[in-house]
Amino acid sequence: MTRIVLRVGKRLAWAIAMLVAIVSVAFLIAHTLPGDPAQLLLGPQANARTVAKARKLYQLDQPLSAQYVAYWRRLAKGDLGYSYRYRMPVTKLIAKKAPASVQLALAALWIQLWFGICLGIVAAMRQGSFTDRGLIGLVLLGVSTPTFITGLALQYVLAYRFGWVPYDGYGQSTTDTLLHLILPALTLGLYGAALYARLSRDEMRRALDTDYALAARARGASMWRVTTHHALRNAAVPIATLMVLEFGALVGGAIVTEKLFRWPGMGAMAVDAMVNRDGPVILGTILFSAAAILIATLLLDAVAALIDPRLRTGSSRRDAVG
């Protein structure tokens, strides 16, 4: 129990330190980019006096160090600032955009896991065969293809040629939203599935060559049972790690895919914020994404300990296998 508490405490301290570092770097970048946010907010027709008033209103006339301290004070109160472009608190803006990104992330992640792990199992069971080489070639093609190419191809085939799904947008009702979700989720899912397929195949192939897998085969266990019950469990922790990182990235915003399909999520909002030098929104988006990844990482530690008892006892992989 003491070991688990110490492990969680170290991870929590690491997560807080990482969050502070990420926010600090993002703050520095957002406030040193060329251009005047007040001028961009008011437009080129605004005179110098009006711009000066806007700079004072949003505290842009303060030294960078003073703005940094003020930002952390607001952040401690749960205040992420006020959007120059959208004219509303960043917290409300994120609360409005985040659900769409979470929906897309969950749908894409489900597709990635389903297709990726299934392909990895088949490839691992067919080591060195034509099927194995063919699947790996397909995986490499999937990883190498940019998401916008995949998205355009899916739009042409599924939306234009067959008319099964809408081109883009979000939809008005729940059913309509689910139909609009198919293309962006497939675009991200097919790309991510290639990563999961490669990872699960490599991990399961190593597990199938271990003594305990060979012993199970010698006792009469089928190749399917050894692969799914023993080798797949061995690959569960690295797969879960990739899943956490991928989910955090997807929630933070799949920029190209969201823009291509006009999906109203965090990615499209982040692009608009960067173009318009909307510093509070840029920082809010980065903070939200970083917090999502760090929280998911902490949860992963607990889940990984349940999946793999070796992480609780601190024993090495070789000791557990040997």
Protein backbone atom coordinates (compact mmCIF):
# COMPACT_ATOMS: atom_id res chain seq x y z
CA MET A 1 0.00 0.00 0.00
CA THR A 2 2.87 2.36 0.89
CA ARG A 3 4.48 1.66 -2.48
CA ILE A 4 1.27 2.60 -4.31
CA VAL A 5 0.83 5.83 -2.29
CA LEU A 6 4.43 6.87 -2.99
CA ARG A 7 4.01 6.08 -6.67
CA VAL A 8 0.82 8.14 -6.91
CA GLY A 9 2.42 11.01 -4.97
CA LYS A 10 5.45 11.12 -7.26
CA ARG A 11 3.24 11.03 -10.34
CA LEU A 12 1.03 13.81 -8.99
CA ALA A 13 4.03 16.02 -8.23
CA TRP A 14 5.40 15.32 -11.70
CA ALA A 15 2.03 16.18 -13.29
CA ILE A 16 1.82 19.51 -11.43
CA ALA A 17 5.38 20.42 -12.41
CA MET A 18 4.70 19.53 -16.04
CA LEU A 19 1.50 21.59 -16.05
CA VAL A 20 3.33 24.64 -14.69
CA ALA A 21 6.09 24.23 -17.30
CA ILE A 22 3.63 23.81 -20.18
CA VAL A 23 1.57 26.84 -19.16
CA SER A 24 4.70 28.95 -18.71
CA VAL A 25 6.10 28.08 -22.14
CA ALA A 26 2.70 28.58 -23.79
CA PHE A 27 2.30 31.95 -22.05
CA LEU A 28 5.70 33.10 -23.29
CA ILE A 29 5.00 32.00 -26.87
CA ALA A 30 1.49 33.51 -26.94
CA HIS A 31 2.77 36.88 -25.71
CA THR A 32 5.86 37.13 -27.89
CA LEU A 33 4.26 36.40 -31.26
CA PRO A 34 4.34 39.34 -33.68
CA GLY A 35 1.26 41.53 -33.89
CA ASP A 36 -0.85 43.53 -31.45
CA PRO A 37 -3.89 41.60 -30.11
CA ALA A 38 -5.72 44.86 -29.43
CA GLN A 39 -5.19 46.03 -33.01
CA LEU A 40 -6.30 42.65 -34.37
CA LEU A 41 -9.37 42.78 -32.15
CA LEU A 42 -10.46 46.26 -33.23
CA GLY A 43 -9.40 46.00 -36.88
CA PRO A 44 -7.09 48.13 -39.02
CA GLN A 45 -9.53 51.07 -39.02
CA ALA A 46 -9.20 51.65 -35.24
CA ASN A 47 -7.24 54.74 -34.22
CA ALA A 48 -4.31 54.74 -31.78
CA ARG A 49 -6.38 56.09 -28.88
CA THR A 50 -8.98 53.33 -29.14
CA VAL A 51 -6.26 50.69 -29.39
CA ALA A 52 -4.55 52.11 -26.31
CA LYS A 53 -7.82 51.89 -24.35
CA ALA A 54 -8.26 48.27 -25.41
CA ARG A 55 -4.69 47.45 -24.38
CA LYS A 56 -5.33 48.96 -20.95
CA LEU A 57 -8.67 47.17 -20.60
CA TYR A 58 -7.08 43.76 -21.24
CA GLN A 59 -3.90 44.67 -19.28
CA LEU A 60 -1.76 44.32 -22.40
CA ASP A 61 0.10 47.49 -21.46
CA GLN A 62 1.64 45.81 -18.41
CA PRO A 63 5.14 44.26 -18.42
CA LEU A 64 5.26 40.59 -19.40
CA SER A 65 6.24 39.54 -15.87
CA ALA A 66 3.23 41.38 -14.41
CA GLN A 67 0.91 39.76 -16.96
CA TYR A 68 2.37 36.34 -16.07
CA VAL A 69 1.73 36.80 -12.33
CA ALA A 70 -1.76 38.15 -13.01
CA TYR A 71 -2.54 35.16 -15.21
CA TRP A 72 -1.62 32.68 -12.45
CA ARG A 73 -3.71 34.63 -9.96
CA ARG A 74 -6.72 34.41 -12.25
CA LEU A 75 -5.99 30.76 -12.98
CA ALA A 76 -6.00 29.95 -9.25
CA LYS A 77 -9.58 31.26 -9.16
CA GLY A 78 -10.61 29.17 -12.18
CA ASP A 79 -10.57 32.18 -14.50
CA LEU A 80 -8.94 31.51 -17.88
CA GLY A 81 -9.37 35.06 -19.07
CA TYR A 82 -11.56 36.77 -21.64
CA SER A 83 -11.48 36.07 -25.36
CA TYR A 84 -10.61 39.10 -27.47
CA ARG A 85 -12.29 37.65 -30.56
CA TYR A 86 -15.37 35.89 -29.18
CA ARG A 87 -16.05 38.52 -26.50
CA MET A 88 -16.79 35.94 -23.81
CA PRO A 89 -14.97 34.17 -20.94
CA VAL A 90 -12.61 31.44 -22.12
CA THR A 91 -14.09 28.97 -19.63
CA LYS A 92 -17.53 29.32 -21.25
CA LEU A 93 -15.98 29.07 -24.70
CA ILE A 94 -14.16 25.84 -23.84
CA ALA A 95 -17.28 24.45 -22.19
CA LYS A 96 -19.11 25.14 -25.45
CA LYS A 97 -16.49 23.60 -27.76
CA ALA A 98 -15.12 20.73 -25.63
CA PRO A 99 -18.16 18.37 -25.91
CA ALA A 100 -17.80 18.18 -29.71
CA SER A 101 -14.08 17.37 -29.40
CA VAL A 102 -14.77 14.72 -26.75
CA GLN A 103 -17.41 13.11 -28.98
CA LEU A 104 -15.00 13.00 -31.90
CA ALA A 105 -12.15 11.73 -29.70
CA LEU A 106 -14.19 8.87 -28.25
CA ALA A 107 -15.55 7.80 -31.64
CA ALA A 108 -12.12 7.94 -33.29
CA LEU A 109 -10.50 6.09 -30.38
CA TRP A 110 -13.08 3.32 -30.55
CA ILE A 111 -12.37 2.85 -34.27
CA GLN A 112 -8.62 2.92 -33.67
CA LEU A 113 -8.76 0.27 -30.96
CA TRP A 114 -11.20 -2.00 -32.76
CA PHE A 115 -9.45 -2.06 -36.14
CA GLY A 116 -5.92 -1.71 -34.79
CA ILE A 117 -6.01 -4.51 -32.24
CA CYS A 118 -7.86 -6.87 -34.60
CA LEU A 119 -5.24 -6.31 -37.31
CA GLY A 120 -2.46 -6.72 -34.74
CA ILE A 121 -3.87 -10.05 -33.53
CA VAL A 122 -4.15 -11.44 -37.07
CA ALA A 123 -0.63 -10.29 -37.96
CA ALA A 124 0.83 -11.74 -34.75
CA MET A 125 -0.85 -15.10 -35.34
CA ARG A 126 0.49 -15.19 -38.92
CA GLN A 127 4.11 -14.33 -38.21
CA GLY A 128 6.24 -14.15 -41.35
CA SER A 129 3.36 -15.08 -43.66
CA PHE A 130 2.01 -13.20 -46.66
CA THR A 131 -0.90 -12.05 -44.47
CA ASP A 132 1.51 -10.60 -41.91
CA ARG A 133 3.55 -8.74 -44.55
CA GLY A 134 0.42 -7.53 -46.31
CA LEU A 135 -1.12 -6.16 -43.12
CA ILE A 136 2.10 -4.41 -42.15
CA GLY A 137 2.26 -2.86 -45.62
CA LEU A 138 -1.31 -1.66 -45.15
CA VAL A 139 -0.39 -0.26 -41.74
CA LEU A 140 2.60 1.65 -43.16
CA LEU A 141 0.36 3.06 -45.88
CA GLY A 142 -2.13 4.20 -43.25
CA VAL A 143 0.52 5.92 -41.13
CA SER A 144 2.13 7.59 -44.16
CA THR A 145 -1.11 9.00 -45.59
CA PRO A 146 -1.95 12.52 -44.34
CA THR A 147 -5.31 12.75 -42.61
CA PHE A 148 -6.61 15.37 -45.05
CA ILE A 149 -6.00 12.97 -47.96
CA THR A 150 -7.89 10.22 -46.14
CA GLY A 151 -10.66 12.66 -45.28
CA LEU A 152 -11.04 13.90 -48.84
CA ALA A 153 -11.12 10.30 -50.13
CA LEU A 154 -13.81 9.35 -47.63
CA GLN A 155 -15.83 12.44 -48.53
CA TYR A 156 -15.65 11.54 -52.22
CA VAL A 157 -16.59 7.88 -51.78
CA LEU A 158 -19.07 7.88 -48.89
CA ALA A 159 -20.62 11.35 -49.26
CA TYR A 160 -20.36 12.21 -52.97
CA ARG A 161 -20.49 8.85 -54.78
CA PHE A 162 -22.90 6.97 -52.51
CA GLY A 163 -24.49 9.75 -50.45
CA TRP A 164 -24.52 7.65 -47.30
CA VAL A 165 -23.31 10.37 -44.95
CA PRO A 166 -23.15 14.19 -44.91
CA TYR A 167 -20.04 15.98 -46.19
CA ASP A 168 -19.38 18.02 -43.06
CA GLY A 169 -20.95 19.99 -40.24
CA TYR A 170 -22.29 19.00 -36.85
CA GLY A 171 -26.02 18.39 -37.25
CA GLN A 172 -29.07 19.59 -35.35
CA SER A 173 -30.42 16.46 -33.68
CA THR A 174 -28.67 13.52 -31.95
CA THR A 175 -29.18 11.24 -34.95
CA ASP A 176 -28.02 13.92 -37.34
CA THR A 177 -24.90 14.56 -35.24
CA LEU A 178 -24.04 10.85 -35.27
CA LEU A 179 -24.26 10.82 -39.08
CA HIS A 180 -22.03 13.90 -39.31
CA LEU A 181 -19.59 12.24 -36.88
CA ILE A 182 -18.89 9.23 -39.12
CA LEU A 183 -16.50 10.83 -41.62
CA PRO A 184 -14.24 12.74 -39.20
CA ALA A 185 -14.16 9.78 -36.80
CA LEU A 186 -13.22 7.40 -39.64
CA THR A 187 -10.52 9.79 -40.84
CA LEU A 188 -8.84 9.91 -37.44
CA GLY A 189 -9.67 6.30 -36.64
CA LEU A 190 -8.06 4.78 -39.72
CA TYR A 191 -4.87 6.76 -39.16
CA GLY A 192 -4.65 5.83 -35.48
CA ALA A 193 -5.60 2.20 -36.14
CA ALA A 194 -2.32 1.77 -38.03
CA LEU A 195 -0.37 2.80 -34.92
CA TYR A 196 -2.27 0.40 -32.68
CA ALA A 197 -1.92 -2.43 -35.19
CA ARG A 198 1.87 -2.06 -35.35
CA LEU A 199 2.24 -1.72 -31.59
CA SER A 200 -0.04 -4.63 -30.69
CA ARG A 201 1.53 -6.89 -33.33
CA ASP A 202 5.09 -6.23 -32.12
CA GLU A 203 4.19 -6.65 -28.44
CA MET A 204 2.23 -9.85 -29.04
CA ARG A 205 4.96 -11.32 -31.23
CA ARG A 206 7.46 -10.84 -28.42
CA ALA A 207 5.02 -12.38 -25.94
CA LEU A 208 4.39 -15.40 -28.18
CA ASP A 209 8.12 -16.16 -28.17
CA THR A 210 8.37 -16.26 -24.37
CA ASP A 211 8.60 -19.44 -22.30
CA TYR A 212 5.15 -19.19 -20.78
CA ALA A 213 3.51 -18.87 -24.21
CA LEU A 214 5.46 -21.83 -25.57
CA ALA A 215 4.55 -23.84 -22.45
CA ALA A 216 0.87 -23.01 -22.94
CA ARG A 217 1.08 -24.22 -26.54
CA ALA A 218 2.81 -27.41 -25.36
CA ARG A 219 -0.06 -28.05 -22.94
CA GLY A 220 -2.46 -28.05 -25.86
CA ALA A 221 -3.78 -24.48 -25.81
CA SER A 222 -4.80 -23.20 -29.22
CA MET A 223 -2.91 -20.41 -30.96
CA TRP A 224 -6.00 -18.21 -30.72
CA ARG A 225 -6.27 -18.71 -26.95
CA VAL A 226 -2.56 -18.09 -26.34
CA THR A 227 -2.68 -14.93 -28.46
CA THR A 228 -5.85 -13.42 -27.00
CA HIS A 229 -5.49 -14.53 -23.35
CA HIS A 230 -1.73 -14.32 -22.82
CA ALA A 231 -0.05 -12.23 -25.54
CA LEU A 232 -2.78 -9.60 -25.71
CA ARG A 233 -2.60 -9.05 -21.95
CA ASN A 234 1.14 -8.52 -22.32
CA ALA A 235 0.41 -5.75 -24.85
CA ALA A 236 -2.33 -4.13 -22.75
CA VAL A 237 -0.11 -1.66 -20.88
CA PRO A 238 1.68 -0.14 -23.92
CA ILE A 239 -1.64 -0.02 -25.78
CA ALA A 240 -3.27 1.75 -22.82
CA THR A 241 -0.36 4.22 -22.71
CA LEU A 242 -0.78 5.06 -26.39
CA MET A 243 -4.54 5.32 -25.91
CA VAL A 244 -4.13 7.91 -23.14
CA LEU A 245 -1.76 10.07 -25.18
CA GLU A 246 -3.91 9.76 -28.30
CA PHE A 247 -7.09 10.63 -26.43
CA GLY A 248 -5.50 13.72 -24.92
CA ALA A 249 -4.30 14.85 -28.33
CA LEU A 250 -7.72 14.24 -29.89
CA VAL A 251 -9.56 16.10 -27.13
CA GLY A 252 -7.12 18.97 -27.49
CA GLY A 253 -8.17 19.25 -31.08
CA ALA A 254 -7.57 17.34 -34.29
CA ILE A 255 -6.96 20.59 -36.15
CA VAL A 256 -6.84 19.44 -39.78
CA THR A 257 -9.75 17.04 -39.48
CA GLU A 258 -11.97 19.49 -37.62
CA LYS A 259 -11.31 22.21 -40.17
CA LEU A 260 -11.84 19.83 -43.11
CA PHE A 261 -15.20 18.61 -41.83
CA ARG A 262 -16.22 21.91 -40.18
CA TRP A 263 -16.49 20.10 -36.85
CA PRO A 264 -17.02 22.74 -34.12
CA GLY A 265 -14.42 21.48 -31.67
CA MET A 266 -11.31 22.69 -29.87
CA GLY A 267 -9.04 22.30 -32.90
CA ALA A 268 -10.92 24.73 -35.12
CA MET A 269 -11.15 27.18 -32.22
CA ALA A 270 -7.39 26.90 -31.58
CA VAL A 271 -6.62 27.73 -35.22
CA ASP A 272 -8.84 30.80 -35.14
CA ALA A 273 -7.22 31.88 -31.87
CA MET A 274 -3.70 31.60 -33.30
CA VAL A 275 -4.64 33.50 -36.46
CA ASN A 276 -6.26 36.29 -34.44
CA ARG A 277 -3.62 36.35 -31.68
CA ASP A 278 -6.29 35.57 -29.10
CA GLY A 279 -3.85 34.80 -26.27
CA PRO A 280 -6.36 33.77 -23.56
CA VAL A 281 -7.98 31.23 -25.90
CA ILE A 282 -4.58 29.87 -27.00
CA LEU A 283 -3.54 29.42 -23.37
CA GLY A 284 -6.91 27.98 -22.38
CA THR A 285 -6.78 25.40 -25.18
CA ILE A 286 -3.24 24.34 -24.31
CA LEU A 287 -4.08 24.16 -20.60
CA PHE A 288 -7.19 22.08 -21.26
CA SER A 289 -5.29 19.64 -23.50
CA ALA A 290 -2.37 19.33 -21.10
CA ALA A 291 -4.67 18.78 -18.12
CA ALA A 292 -6.59 16.10 -20.03
CA ILE A 293 -3.38 14.21 -20.86
CA LEU A 294 -1.92 14.51 -17.35
CA ILE A 295 -5.14 13.43 -15.62
CA ALA A 296 -5.48 10.50 -18.01
CA THR A 297 -1.84 9.56 -17.32
CA LEU A 298 -2.49 9.46 -13.59
CA LEU A 299 -5.51 7.25 -14.16
CA LEU A 300 -3.42 5.06 -16.45
CA ASP A 301 -0.98 4.32 -13.62
CA ALA A 302 -3.80 2.95 -11.49
CA VAL A 303 -5.31 0.94 -14.35
CA ALA A 304 -1.90 -0.38 -15.43
CA ALA A 305 -1.27 -1.70 -11.93
CA LEU A 306 -4.53 -3.65 -12.15
CA ILE A 307 -3.71 -4.97 -15.64
CA ASP A 308 -0.11 -5.94 -14.85
CA PRO A 309 0.61 -7.08 -11.26
CA ARG A 310 4.35 -6.68 -11.94
CA LEU A 311 3.89 -2.90 -11.66
CA ARG A 312 2.55 -3.30 -8.13
CA THR A 313 5.36 -5.55 -6.93
CA GLY A 314 8.12 -3.73 -8.81
CA SER A 315 9.37 -6.98 -10.36
CA SER A 316 10.98 -6.80 -13.75
CA ARG A 317 9.54 -8.14 -16.95
CA ARG A 318 12.23 -10.80 -17.15
CA ASP A 319 11.49 -12.02 -13.62
CA ALA A 320 7.77 -12.27 -14.37
CA VAL A 321 8.30 -14.16 -17.59
CA GLY A 322 11.15 -16.33 -16.45
